[in-house]
Amino acid sequence: MKNLSKHIIMVISLVFILIATSFVNRQSEKKRLIRELAVAELKKGEIEVKSKSVLEVADSICQEAGVPFELVKQIGQNESGWRYIKNSNGGTDHGDLQVIDITYWHYYKKLGLSGGKTRRNYLKVAIYYLKDLHNKYNSWEKARFAYGRGSWRNSTTWTPLEKKFMSKIDFSRFDAKPKSIK
């Protein structure tokens, strides 16, 4: 009988332990689920912020300035391949659109920029400089040539290098010819 009562006590203890363990596990599972739900709720409210690409920044500035983005995109491809570079041949042109220092600082002040020589500032300076050249020459082709060479010259005076960089852009896309009136 003594053995039987020991066995009964042991079985009752085991059942009690199983019930208690089950209860504790359920409580732990509930806490884990509540934590997961809370984390999921927090993540819902988070806003993922991504930096704009250089082309997106250039596009925004082009829209602001009224300059065709596709033209600026092609100029950047021609000037630097859209790599923010410093001139390696002794010149002072920098940035994606290769702006020389004197032009940079003139437009930096004119546009009221701050922060020094940043990529965004170089883009803004270059695009507004191109816009001013277009206002002066009333032609994107002439503005592009002047951008690269300082002023417009008739195409009959262009060097082979100038012909090469000017031929890379289809200016008819940007300089609409007026239709003749019949």
Protein backbone atom coordinates (compact mmCIF):
# COMPACT_ATOMS: atom_id res chain seq x y z
CA MET A 1 0.00 0.00 0.00
CA LYS A 2 2.86 2.31 0.78
CA ASN A 3 4.21 1.84 -2.75
CA LEU A 4 0.82 2.48 -4.23
CA SER A 5 0.37 5.74 -2.34
CA LYS A 6 3.87 6.83 -3.39
CA HIS A 7 2.98 6.09 -7.00
CA ILE A 8 -0.30 7.97 -6.72
CA ILE A 9 1.48 10.98 -5.21
CA MET A 10 4.10 10.81 -7.94
CA VAL A 11 1.45 10.60 -10.70
CA ILE A 12 -0.50 13.49 -9.18
CA SER A 13 2.74 15.50 -8.96
CA LEU A 14 3.56 14.75 -12.59
CA VAL A 15 0.06 15.75 -13.70
CA PHE A 16 0.36 18.95 -11.68
CA ILE A 17 3.79 19.68 -13.21
CA LEU A 18 2.43 19.04 -16.72
CA ILE A 19 -0.54 21.34 -16.13
CA ALA A 20 1.70 24.05 -14.64
CA THR A 21 4.22 23.73 -17.47
CA SER A 22 1.45 23.91 -20.05
CA PHE A 23 0.06 27.04 -18.39
CA VAL A 24 3.50 28.69 -18.26
CA ASN A 25 4.16 27.78 -21.91
CA ARG A 26 0.80 29.26 -22.96
CA GLN A 27 1.60 32.45 -21.06
CA SER A 28 5.04 32.65 -22.71
CA GLU A 29 3.48 32.04 -26.13
CA LYS A 30 0.92 34.80 -25.51
CA LYS A 31 3.68 37.21 -24.49
CA ARG A 32 5.68 36.32 -27.59
CA LEU A 33 2.67 36.87 -29.85
CA ILE A 34 1.90 40.18 -28.17
CA ARG A 35 5.52 41.30 -28.68
CA GLU A 36 5.42 40.28 -32.35
CA LEU A 37 2.16 42.17 -32.89
CA ALA A 38 3.57 45.25 -31.18
CA VAL A 39 6.69 45.15 -33.36
CA ALA A 40 4.55 44.68 -36.48
CA GLU A 41 2.43 47.69 -35.51
CA LEU A 42 5.52 49.81 -35.01
CA LYS A 43 6.90 48.79 -38.38
CA LYS A 44 3.64 49.77 -40.08
CA GLY A 45 4.11 53.34 -38.95
CA GLU A 46 7.73 53.55 -40.08
CA ILE A 47 8.43 55.46 -43.26
CA GLU A 48 11.32 54.15 -45.26
CA VAL A 49 13.45 57.06 -46.41
CA LYS A 50 15.67 56.53 -49.41
CA SER A 51 18.16 58.98 -50.82
CA LYS A 52 17.44 60.26 -54.29
CA SER A 53 19.76 59.17 -57.04
CA VAL A 54 21.90 61.83 -58.70
CA LEU A 55 19.65 61.66 -61.77
CA GLU A 56 16.53 62.18 -59.65
CA VAL A 57 18.15 65.21 -58.04
CA ALA A 58 19.17 66.55 -61.45
CA ASP A 59 15.65 65.98 -62.76
CA SER A 60 14.16 67.92 -59.84
CA ILE A 61 16.52 70.83 -60.43
CA CYS A 62 15.80 70.75 -64.18
CA GLN A 63 12.07 70.97 -63.51
CA GLU A 64 12.65 73.88 -61.14
CA ALA A 65 14.86 75.70 -63.67
CA GLY A 66 12.91 74.84 -66.82
CA VAL A 67 15.78 72.94 -68.44
CA PRO A 68 15.17 69.70 -70.39
CA PHE A 69 16.30 66.86 -68.16
CA GLU A 70 17.16 64.61 -71.11
CA LEU A 71 19.59 67.26 -72.36
CA VAL A 72 21.25 67.54 -68.94
CA LYS A 73 21.34 63.75 -68.70
CA GLN A 74 23.18 63.54 -72.03
CA ILE A 75 25.57 66.34 -71.08
CA GLY A 76 26.39 64.54 -67.83
CA GLN A 77 26.97 61.32 -69.72
CA ASN A 78 29.29 63.15 -72.10
CA GLU A 79 31.13 65.17 -69.44
CA SER A 80 31.67 62.57 -66.71
CA GLY A 81 29.55 59.50 -67.30
CA TRP A 82 27.64 60.71 -64.20
CA ARG A 83 30.62 60.07 -61.97
CA TYR A 84 31.22 62.96 -59.60
CA ILE A 85 34.80 63.59 -60.64
CA LYS A 86 37.55 66.11 -60.32
CA ASN A 87 39.45 67.13 -63.42
CA SER A 88 42.69 65.17 -63.63
CA ASN A 89 44.41 67.18 -66.36
CA GLY A 90 45.12 70.26 -64.29
CA GLY A 91 41.83 72.05 -64.92
CA THR A 92 39.42 73.27 -62.29
CA ASP A 93 36.26 71.64 -63.56
CA HIS A 94 34.47 69.41 -61.07
CA GLY A 95 31.28 67.47 -60.55
CA ASP A 96 29.02 65.42 -62.77
CA LEU A 97 28.61 68.28 -65.24
CA GLN A 98 32.21 69.52 -64.98
CA VAL A 99 31.78 73.12 -63.80
CA ILE A 100 34.87 75.31 -63.54
CA ASP A 101 35.57 77.08 -60.26
CA ILE A 102 34.95 80.64 -61.42
CA THR A 103 31.53 79.68 -62.81
CA TYR A 104 30.76 77.59 -59.75
CA TRP A 105 31.42 80.37 -57.25
CA HIS A 106 29.62 82.99 -59.36
CA TYR A 107 26.43 80.90 -59.49
CA TYR A 108 26.88 79.66 -55.93
CA LYS A 109 26.55 83.28 -54.76
CA LYS A 110 23.92 84.20 -57.37
CA LEU A 111 21.69 81.29 -56.33
CA GLY A 112 22.28 81.85 -52.61
CA LEU A 113 23.58 78.33 -52.08
CA SER A 114 25.23 77.09 -48.91
CA GLY A 115 27.26 74.09 -47.86
CA GLY A 116 30.20 74.58 -50.19
CA LYS A 117 31.15 72.24 -52.99
CA THR A 118 28.51 69.55 -52.73
CA ARG A 119 27.28 67.33 -55.51
CA ARG A 120 23.83 68.90 -55.34
CA ASN A 121 25.28 72.41 -55.49
CA TYR A 122 27.39 71.50 -58.52
CA LEU A 123 24.28 70.17 -60.25
CA LYS A 124 22.25 73.26 -59.42
CA VAL A 125 25.00 75.61 -60.58
CA ALA A 126 25.48 73.71 -63.85
CA ILE A 127 21.78 73.53 -64.66
CA TYR A 128 21.14 77.20 -63.92
CA TYR A 129 24.24 78.17 -65.89
CA LEU A 130 22.91 76.17 -68.84
CA LYS A 131 19.52 77.87 -68.42
CA ASP A 132 21.16 81.32 -68.49
CA LEU A 133 23.06 80.37 -71.64
CA HIS A 134 19.80 79.26 -73.24
CA ASN A 135 18.23 82.58 -72.31
CA LYS A 136 21.19 84.33 -73.94
CA TYR A 137 21.30 82.28 -77.17
CA ASN A 138 17.66 81.09 -77.36
CA SER A 139 18.90 77.67 -78.45
CA TRP A 140 19.83 74.57 -76.47
CA GLU A 141 22.44 73.66 -79.08
CA LYS A 142 24.15 77.03 -78.74
CA ALA A 143 23.78 76.91 -74.96
CA ARG A 144 25.42 73.46 -74.89
CA PHE A 145 28.32 74.60 -77.02
CA ALA A 146 28.82 77.73 -74.91
CA TYR A 147 28.57 75.59 -71.76
CA GLY A 148 31.52 73.54 -72.93
CA ARG A 149 33.52 76.28 -74.64
CA GLY A 150 32.59 79.57 -72.96
CA SER A 151 30.68 81.11 -75.84
CA TRP A 152 28.90 80.14 -79.04
CA ARG A 153 30.82 79.85 -82.29
CA ASN A 154 29.50 78.93 -85.69
CA SER A 155 29.79 75.19 -86.34
CA THR A 156 32.08 75.84 -89.32
CA THR A 157 34.77 76.90 -86.82
CA TRP A 158 34.49 73.85 -84.55
CA THR A 159 37.45 71.61 -83.86
CA PRO A 160 37.12 67.84 -84.36
CA LEU A 161 36.71 67.44 -80.57
CA GLU A 162 33.92 70.03 -80.50
CA LYS A 163 32.20 68.34 -83.44
CA LYS A 164 32.46 65.03 -81.63
CA PHE A 165 30.89 66.16 -78.34
CA MET A 166 28.21 68.22 -80.09
CA SER A 167 27.24 65.35 -82.41
CA LYS A 168 26.37 63.13 -79.44
CA ILE A 169 23.14 65.04 -78.79
CA ASP A 170 20.13 65.30 -81.08
CA PHE A 171 19.28 68.95 -80.51
CA SER A 172 16.15 68.74 -82.65
CA ARG A 173 14.56 67.10 -79.60
CA PHE A 174 15.12 70.27 -77.58
CA ASP A 175 15.19 73.13 -80.09
CA ALA A 176 11.85 72.99 -81.86
CA LYS A 177 11.92 74.55 -85.29
CA PRO A 178 8.93 76.79 -85.98
CA LYS A 179 6.55 75.33 -88.54
CA SER A 180 6.28 77.31 -91.73
CA ILE A 181 2.99 79.07 -92.36
CA LYS A 182 1.37 78.32 -95.70
